Amino acid sequence: MQERSLDRAKAHKPIVIEVGGEPQGVVVASAEGFRFLAVKLPAFAIDGQQFETVEKAHFAVSQAVRNGDEA
């Protein structure tokens, strides 16, 4: 019984999103795909957004960080 719980926990492990070698947040699996949770100020512009894939989330985070650097 406990073994199944551990397998489920591994399946929902957050994936770190880095930009320029610096962690900006994590994505966690959700019913709609992946939800982004920001941990650095430039990425808070997209905190809580849903993405179809991890790659799309990473692209959006990169754009948010780039836009934050331009401000």
PDB file of N, CA and C in Angstrom:
ATOM      1  N   MET A   1       0.827  -1.194   0.000  1.00  0.00           N
ATOM      2  CA  MET A   1       0.000   0.000   0.000  1.00  0.00           C
ATOM      3  C   MET A   1       0.872   1.259   0.000  1.00  0.00           C
ATOM      4  N   GLN A   2       1.864   1.293   0.868  1.00  0.00           N
ATOM      5  CA  GLN A   2       2.725   2.465   0.935  1.00  0.00           C
ATOM      6  C   GLN A   2       3.532   2.625  -0.353  1.00  0.00           C
ATOM      7  N   GLU A   3       3.914   1.531  -0.987  1.00  0.00           N
ATOM      8  CA  GLU A   3       4.688   1.581  -2.210  1.00  0.00           C
ATOM      9  C   GLU A   3       3.947   2.348  -3.308  1.00  0.00           C
ATOM     10  N   ARG A   4       2.652   2.160  -3.431  1.00  0.00           N
ATOM     11  CA  ARG A   4       1.865   2.898  -4.425  1.00  0.00           C
ATOM     12  C   ARG A   4       1.894   4.391  -4.147  1.00  0.00           C
ATOM     13  N   SER A   5       1.845   4.779  -2.888  1.00  0.00           N
ATOM     14  CA  SER A   5       1.900   6.195  -2.520  1.00  0.00           C
ATOM     15  C   SER A   5       3.227   6.804  -2.945  1.00  0.00           C
ATOM     16  N   LEU A   6       4.301   6.060  -2.778  1.00  0.00           N
ATOM     17  CA  LEU A   6       5.618   6.559  -3.179  1.00  0.00           C
ATOM     18  C   LEU A   6       5.701   6.726  -4.689  1.00  0.00           C
ATOM     19  N   ASP A   7       5.144   5.772  -5.440  1.00  0.00           N
ATOM     20  CA  ASP A   7       5.137   5.886  -6.895  1.00  0.00           C
ATOM     21  C   ASP A   7       4.354   7.118  -7.344  1.00  0.00           C
ATOM     22  N   ARG A   8       3.241   7.368  -6.703  1.00  0.00           N
ATOM     23  CA  ARG A   8       2.419   8.528  -7.044  1.00  0.00           C
ATOM     24  C   ARG A   8       3.175   9.820  -6.733  1.00  0.00           C
ATOM     25  N   ALA A   9       3.901   9.846  -5.622  1.00  0.00           N
ATOM     26  CA  ALA A   9       4.665  11.038  -5.247  1.00  0.00           C
ATOM     27  C   ALA A   9       5.746  11.327  -6.279  1.00  0.00           C
ATOM     28  N   LYS A  10       6.408  10.288  -6.789  1.00  0.00           N
ATOM     29  CA  LYS A  10       7.438  10.482  -7.809  1.00  0.00           C
ATOM     30  C   LYS A  10       6.832  11.050  -9.089  1.00  0.00           C
ATOM     31  N   ALA A  11       5.643  10.623  -9.439  1.00  0.00           N
ATOM     32  CA  ALA A  11       4.993  11.076 -10.661  1.00  0.00           C
ATOM     33  C   ALA A  11       4.622  12.555 -10.589  1.00  0.00           C
ATOM     34  N   HIS A  12       4.446  13.077  -9.399  1.00  0.00           N
ATOM     35  CA  HIS A  12       4.035  14.473  -9.231  1.00  0.00           C
ATOM     36  C   HIS A  12       5.164  15.349  -8.715  1.00  0.00           C
ATOM     37  N   LYS A  13       6.386  14.899  -8.875  1.00  0.00           N
ATOM     38  CA  LYS A  13       7.540  15.652  -8.407  1.00  0.00           C
ATOM     39  C   LYS A  13       7.686  16.944  -9.227  1.00  0.00           C
ATOM     40  N   PRO A  14       7.888  18.082  -8.574  1.00  0.00           N
ATOM     41  CA  PRO A  14       8.062  19.340  -9.309  1.00  0.00           C
ATOM     42  C   PRO A  14       9.301  19.308 -10.197  1.00  0.00           C
ATOM     43  N   ILE A  15       9.228  20.002 -11.319  1.00  0.00           N
ATOM     44  CA  ILE A  15      10.339  20.115 -12.257  1.00  0.00           C
ATOM     45  C   ILE A  15      10.837  21.552 -12.208  1.00  0.00           C
ATOM     46  N   VAL A  16      12.114  21.726 -11.908  1.00  0.00           N
ATOM     47  CA  VAL A  16      12.703  23.061 -11.784  1.00  0.00           C
ATOM     48  C   VAL A  16      12.879  23.669 -13.172  1.00  0.00           C
ATOM     49  N   ILE A  17      12.509  24.952 -13.284  1.00  0.00           N
ATOM     50  CA  ILE A  17      12.711  25.714 -14.519  1.00  0.00           C
ATOM     51  C   ILE A  17      13.819  26.725 -14.256  1.00  0.00           C
ATOM     52  N   GLU A  18      14.905  26.603 -15.014  1.00  0.00           N
ATOM     53  CA  GLU A  18      16.033  27.520 -14.883  1.00  0.00           C
ATOM     54  C   GLU A  18      16.160  28.372 -16.132  1.00  0.00           C
ATOM     55  N   VAL A  19      16.612  29.601 -15.936  1.00  0.00           N
ATOM     56  CA  VAL A  19      16.930  30.486 -17.050  1.00  0.00           C
ATOM     57  C   VAL A  19      18.316  31.051 -16.759  1.00  0.00           C
ATOM     58  N   GLY A  20      19.238  30.851 -17.669  1.00  0.00           N
ATOM     59  CA  GLY A  20      20.605  31.319 -17.456  1.00  0.00           C
ATOM     60  C   GLY A  20      21.258  30.673 -16.249  1.00  0.00           C
ATOM     61  N   GLY A  21      20.894  29.417 -15.968  1.00  0.00           N
ATOM     62  CA  GLY A  21      21.477  28.700 -14.843  1.00  0.00           C
ATOM     63  C   GLY A  21      20.897  29.065 -13.495  1.00  0.00           C
ATOM     64  N   GLU A  22      19.893  29.920 -13.464  1.00  0.00           N
ATOM     65  CA  GLU A  22      19.279  30.370 -12.209  1.00  0.00           C
ATOM     66  C   GLU A  22      17.845  29.856 -12.102  1.00  0.00           C
ATOM     67  N   PRO A  23      17.519  29.129 -11.031  1.00  0.00           N
ATOM     68  CA  PRO A  23      16.144  28.635 -10.868  1.00  0.00           C
ATOM     69  C   PRO A  23      15.155  29.802 -10.778  1.00  0.00           C
ATOM     70  N   GLN A  24      14.078  29.709 -11.560  1.00  0.00           N
ATOM     71  CA  GLN A  24      13.048  30.742 -11.550  1.00  0.00           C
ATOM     72  C   GLN A  24      11.750  30.243 -10.935  1.00  0.00           C
ATOM     73  N   GLY A  25      11.586  28.920 -10.876  1.00  0.00           N
ATOM     74  CA  GLY A  25      10.373  28.333 -10.319  1.00  0.00           C
ATOM     75  C   GLY A  25      10.304  26.866 -10.666  1.00  0.00           C
ATOM     76  N   VAL A  26       9.138  26.300 -10.455  1.00  0.00           N
ATOM     77  CA  VAL A  26       8.912  24.890 -10.760  1.00  0.00           C
ATOM     78  C   VAL A  26       7.594  24.740 -11.503  1.00  0.00           C
ATOM     79  N   VAL A  27       7.472  23.645 -12.240  1.00  0.00           N
ATOM     80  CA  VAL A  27       6.188  23.257 -12.806  1.00  0.00           C
ATOM     81  C   VAL A  27       5.762  21.970 -12.118  1.00  0.00           C
ATOM     82  N   VAL A  28       4.474  21.892 -11.853  1.00  0.00           N
ATOM     83  CA  VAL A  28       3.897  20.694 -11.256  1.00  0.00           C
ATOM     84  C   VAL A  28       2.775  20.211 -12.159  1.00  0.00           C
ATOM     85  N   ALA A  29       2.655  18.908 -12.262  1.00  0.00           N
ATOM     86  CA  ALA A  29       1.608  18.331 -13.098  1.00  0.00           C
ATOM     87  C   ALA A  29       0.242  18.689 -12.538  1.00  0.00           C
ATOM     88  N   SER A  30      -0.683  18.979 -13.447  1.00  0.00           N
ATOM     89  CA  SER A  30      -2.059  19.277 -13.063  1.00  0.00           C
ATOM     90  C   SER A  30      -2.970  18.629 -14.102  1.00  0.00           C
ATOM     91  N   ALA A  31      -4.248  18.683 -13.874  1.00  0.00           N
ATOM     92  CA  ALA A  31      -5.208  18.084 -14.803  1.00  0.00           C
ATOM     93  C   ALA A  31      -5.128  18.731 -16.188  1.00  0.00           C
ATOM     94  N   GLU A  32      -4.781  20.005 -16.246  1.00  0.00           N
ATOM     95  CA  GLU A  32      -4.721  20.741 -17.509  1.00  0.00           C
ATOM     96  C   GLU A  32      -3.355  20.717 -18.155  1.00  0.00           C
ATOM     97  N   GLY A  33      -2.358  20.107 -17.533  1.00  0.00           N
ATOM     98  CA  GLY A  33      -0.997  20.088 -18.075  1.00  0.00           C
ATOM     99  C   GLY A  33       0.000  20.315 -16.964  1.00  0.00           C
ATOM    100  N   PHE A  34       0.609  21.512 -16.959  1.00  0.00           N
ATOM    101  CA  PHE A  34       1.608  21.857 -15.967  1.00  0.00           C
ATOM    102  C   PHE A  34       1.365  23.275 -15.460  1.00  0.00           C
ATOM    103  N   ARG A  35       1.369  23.434 -14.151  1.00  0.00           N
ATOM    104  CA  ARG A  35       1.189  24.758 -13.532  1.00  0.00           C
ATOM    105  C   ARG A  35       2.560  25.261 -13.091  1.00  0.00           C
ATOM    106  N   PHE A  36       2.856  26.527 -13.418  1.00  0.00           N
ATOM    107  CA  PHE A  36       4.125  27.138 -13.046  1.00  0.00           C
ATOM    108  C   PHE A  36       3.979  27.864 -11.718  1.00  0.00           C
ATOM    109  N   LEU A  37       4.950  27.633 -10.832  1.00  0.00           N
ATOM    110  CA  LEU A  37       5.003  28.313  -9.532  1.00  0.00           C
ATOM    111  C   LEU A  37       6.343  29.028  -9.433  1.00  0.00           C
ATOM    112  N   ALA A  38       6.299  30.351  -9.403  1.00  0.00           N
ATOM    113  CA  ALA A  38       7.513  31.162  -9.416  1.00  0.00           C
ATOM    114  C   ALA A  38       8.177  31.214  -8.045  1.00  0.00           C
ATOM    115  N   VAL A  39       9.514  31.338  -8.070  1.00  0.00           N
ATOM    116  CA  VAL A  39      10.277  31.546  -6.838  1.00  0.00           C
ATOM    117  C   VAL A  39      11.183  32.772  -6.931  1.00  0.00           C
ATOM    118  N   LYS A  40      11.328  33.334  -8.116  1.00  0.00           N
ATOM    119  CA  LYS A  40      12.143  34.534  -8.322  1.00  0.00           C
ATOM    120  C   LYS A  40      11.280  35.647  -8.895  1.00  0.00           C
ATOM    121  N   LEU A  41      11.586  36.870  -8.526  1.00  0.00           N
ATOM    122  CA  LEU A  41      10.775  38.028  -8.891  1.00  0.00           C
ATOM    123  C   LEU A  41      10.477  38.149 -10.388  1.00  0.00           C
ATOM    124  N   PRO A  42      11.454  38.015 -11.295  1.00  0.00           N
ATOM    125  CA  PRO A  42      11.119  38.188 -12.720  1.00  0.00           C
ATOM    126  C   PRO A  42      10.067  37.201 -13.226  1.00  0.00           C
ATOM    127  N   ALA A  43       9.987  36.031 -12.616  1.00  0.00           N
ATOM    128  CA  ALA A  43       9.063  34.997 -13.078  1.00  0.00           C
ATOM    129  C   ALA A  43       7.664  35.140 -12.489  1.00  0.00           C
ATOM    130  N   PHE A  44       7.481  36.012 -11.516  1.00  0.00           N
ATOM    131  CA  PHE A  44       6.166  36.151 -10.887  1.00  0.00           C
ATOM    132  C   PHE A  44       5.112  36.683 -11.862  1.00  0.00           C
ATOM    133  N   ALA A  45       5.525  37.249 -12.978  1.00  0.00           N
ATOM    134  CA  ALA A  45       4.573  37.738 -13.981  1.00  0.00           C
ATOM    135  C   ALA A  45       3.714  36.601 -14.535  1.00  0.00           C
ATOM    136  N   ILE A  46       4.216  35.365 -14.482  1.00  0.00           N
ATOM    137  CA  ILE A  46       3.450  34.238 -15.010  1.00  0.00           C
ATOM    138  C   ILE A  46       3.152  33.193 -13.933  1.00  0.00           C
ATOM    139  N   ASP A  47       3.317  33.544 -12.683  1.00  0.00           N
ATOM    140  CA  ASP A  47       3.045  32.622 -11.580  1.00  0.00           C
ATOM    141  C   ASP A  47       1.618  32.085 -11.658  1.00  0.00           C
ATOM    142  N   GLY A  48       1.469  30.776 -11.539  1.00  0.00           N
ATOM    143  CA  GLY A  48       0.151  30.147 -11.533  1.00  0.00           C
ATOM    144  C   GLY A  48      -0.412  29.802 -12.898  1.00  0.00           C
ATOM    145  N   GLN A  49       0.258  30.197 -13.965  1.00  0.00           N
ATOM    146  CA  GLN A  49      -0.253  29.906 -15.302  1.00  0.00           C
ATOM    147  C   GLN A  49      -0.118  28.422 -15.628  1.00  0.00           C
ATOM    148  N   GLN A  50      -1.021  27.950 -16.489  1.00  0.00           N
ATOM    149  CA  GLN A  50      -1.033  26.556 -16.943  1.00  0.00           C
ATOM    150  C   GLN A  50      -0.375  26.473 -18.323  1.00  0.00           C
ATOM    151  N   PHE A  51       0.355  25.384 -18.545  1.00  0.00           N
ATOM    152  CA  PHE A  51       0.999  25.149 -19.834  1.00  0.00           C
ATOM    153  C   PHE A  51       0.761  23.712 -20.259  1.00  0.00           C
ATOM    154  N   GLU A  52       0.700  23.494 -21.569  1.00  0.00           N
ATOM    155  CA  GLU A  52       0.480  22.144 -22.106  1.00  0.00           C
ATOM    156  C   GLU A  52       1.689  21.244 -21.878  1.00  0.00           C
ATOM    157  N   THR A  53       2.899  21.832 -21.965  1.00  0.00           N
ATOM    158  CA  THR A  53       4.123  21.050 -21.816  1.00  0.00           C
ATOM    159  C   THR A  53       5.122  21.804 -20.945  1.00  0.00           C
ATOM    160  N   VAL A  54       6.114  21.082 -20.468  1.00  0.00           N
ATOM    161  CA  VAL A  54       7.196  21.700 -19.698  1.00  0.00           C
ATOM    162  C   VAL A  54       7.978  22.652 -20.599  1.00  0.00           C
ATOM    163  N   GLU A  55       8.153  22.272 -21.849  1.00  0.00           N
ATOM    164  CA  GLU A  55       8.900  23.110 -22.788  1.00  0.00           C
ATOM    165  C   GLU A  55       8.215  24.458 -23.002  1.00  0.00           C
ATOM    166  N   LYS A  56       6.889  24.451 -23.124  1.00  0.00           N
ATOM    167  CA  LYS A  56       6.149  25.710 -23.285  1.00  0.00           C
ATOM    168  C   LYS A  56       6.261  26.559 -22.023  1.00  0.00           C
ATOM    169  N   ALA A  57       6.263  25.926 -20.869  1.00  0.00           N
ATOM    170  CA  ALA A  57       6.438  26.661 -19.616  1.00  0.00           C
ATOM    171  C   ALA A  57       7.828  27.291 -19.578  1.00  0.00           C
ATOM    172  N   HIS A  58       8.841  26.535 -19.966  1.00  0.00           N
ATOM    173  CA  HIS A  58      10.212  27.056 -19.947  1.00  0.00           C
ATOM    174  C   HIS A  58      10.346  28.246 -20.885  1.00  0.00           C
ATOM    175  N   PHE A  59       9.744  28.167 -22.058  1.00  0.00           N
ATOM    176  CA  PHE A  59       9.795  29.281 -23.000  1.00  0.00           C
ATOM    177  C   PHE A  59       9.136  30.522 -22.403  1.00  0.00           C
ATOM    178  N   ALA A  60       7.973  30.347 -21.778  1.00  0.00           N
ATOM    179  CA  ALA A  60       7.260  31.480 -21.181  1.00  0.00           C
ATOM    180  C   ALA A  60       8.060  32.098 -20.032  1.00  0.00           C
ATOM    181  N   VAL A  61       8.707  31.265 -19.241  1.00  0.00           N
ATOM    182  CA  VAL A  61       9.534  31.784 -18.148  1.00  0.00           C
ATOM    183  C   VAL A  61      10.708  32.569 -18.717  1.00  0.00           C
ATOM    184  N   SER A  62      11.334  32.040 -19.755  1.00  0.00           N
ATOM    185  CA  SER A  62      12.452  32.743 -20.397  1.00  0.00           C
ATOM    186  C   SER A  62      12.018  34.120 -20.894  1.00  0.00           C
ATOM    187  N   GLN A  63      10.837  34.178 -21.507  1.00  0.00           N
ATOM    188  CA  GLN A  63      10.310  35.450 -22.001  1.00  0.00           C
ATOM    189  C   GLN A  63      10.039  36.409 -20.844  1.00  0.00           C
ATOM    190  N   ALA A  64       9.465  35.912 -19.764  1.00  0.00           N
ATOM    191  CA  ALA A  64       9.162  36.751 -18.604  1.00  0.00           C
ATOM    192  C   ALA A  64      10.437  37.324 -18.002  1.00  0.00           C
ATOM    193  N   VAL A  65      11.467  36.497 -17.900  1.00  0.00           N
ATOM    194  CA  VAL A  65      12.740  36.962 -17.348  1.00  0.00           C
ATOM    195  C   VAL A  65      13.372  37.993 -18.272  1.00  0.00           C
ATOM    196  N   ARG A  66      13.330  37.731 -19.577  1.00  0.00           N
ATOM    197  CA  ARG A  66      13.893  38.685 -20.549  1.00  0.00           C
ATOM    198  C   ARG A  66      13.137  40.014 -20.480  1.00  0.00           C
ATOM    199  N   ASN A  67      11.823  39.957 -20.408  1.00  0.00           N
ATOM    200  CA  ASN A  67      11.016  41.183 -20.327  1.00  0.00           C
ATOM    201  C   ASN A  67      11.284  41.923 -19.018  1.00  0.00           C
ATOM    202  N   GLY A  68      11.501  41.189 -17.942  1.00  0.00           N
ATOM    203  CA  GLY A  68      11.823  41.811 -16.659  1.00  0.00           C
ATOM    204  C   GLY A  68      13.161  42.507 -16.673  1.00  0.00           C
ATOM    205  N   ASP A  69      14.127  41.956 -17.426  1.00  0.00           N
ATOM    206  CA  ASP A  69      15.445  42.568 -17.542  1.00  0.00           C
ATOM    207  C   ASP A  69      15.397  43.859 -18.352  1.00  0.00           C
ATOM    208  N   GLU A  70      14.414  43.962 -19.261  1.00  0.00           N
ATOM    209  CA  GLU A  70      14.300  45.147 -20.110  1.00  0.00           C
ATOM    210  C   GLU A  70      13.646  46.312 -19.378  1.00  0.00           C
ATOM    211  N   ALA A  71      12.912  46.014 -18.305  1.00  0.00           N
ATOM    212  CA  ALA A  71      12.186  47.063 -17.581  1.00  0.00           C
ATOM    213  C   ALA A  71      13.109  47.953 -16.785  1.00  0.00           C
TER     214      ALA A  71
END
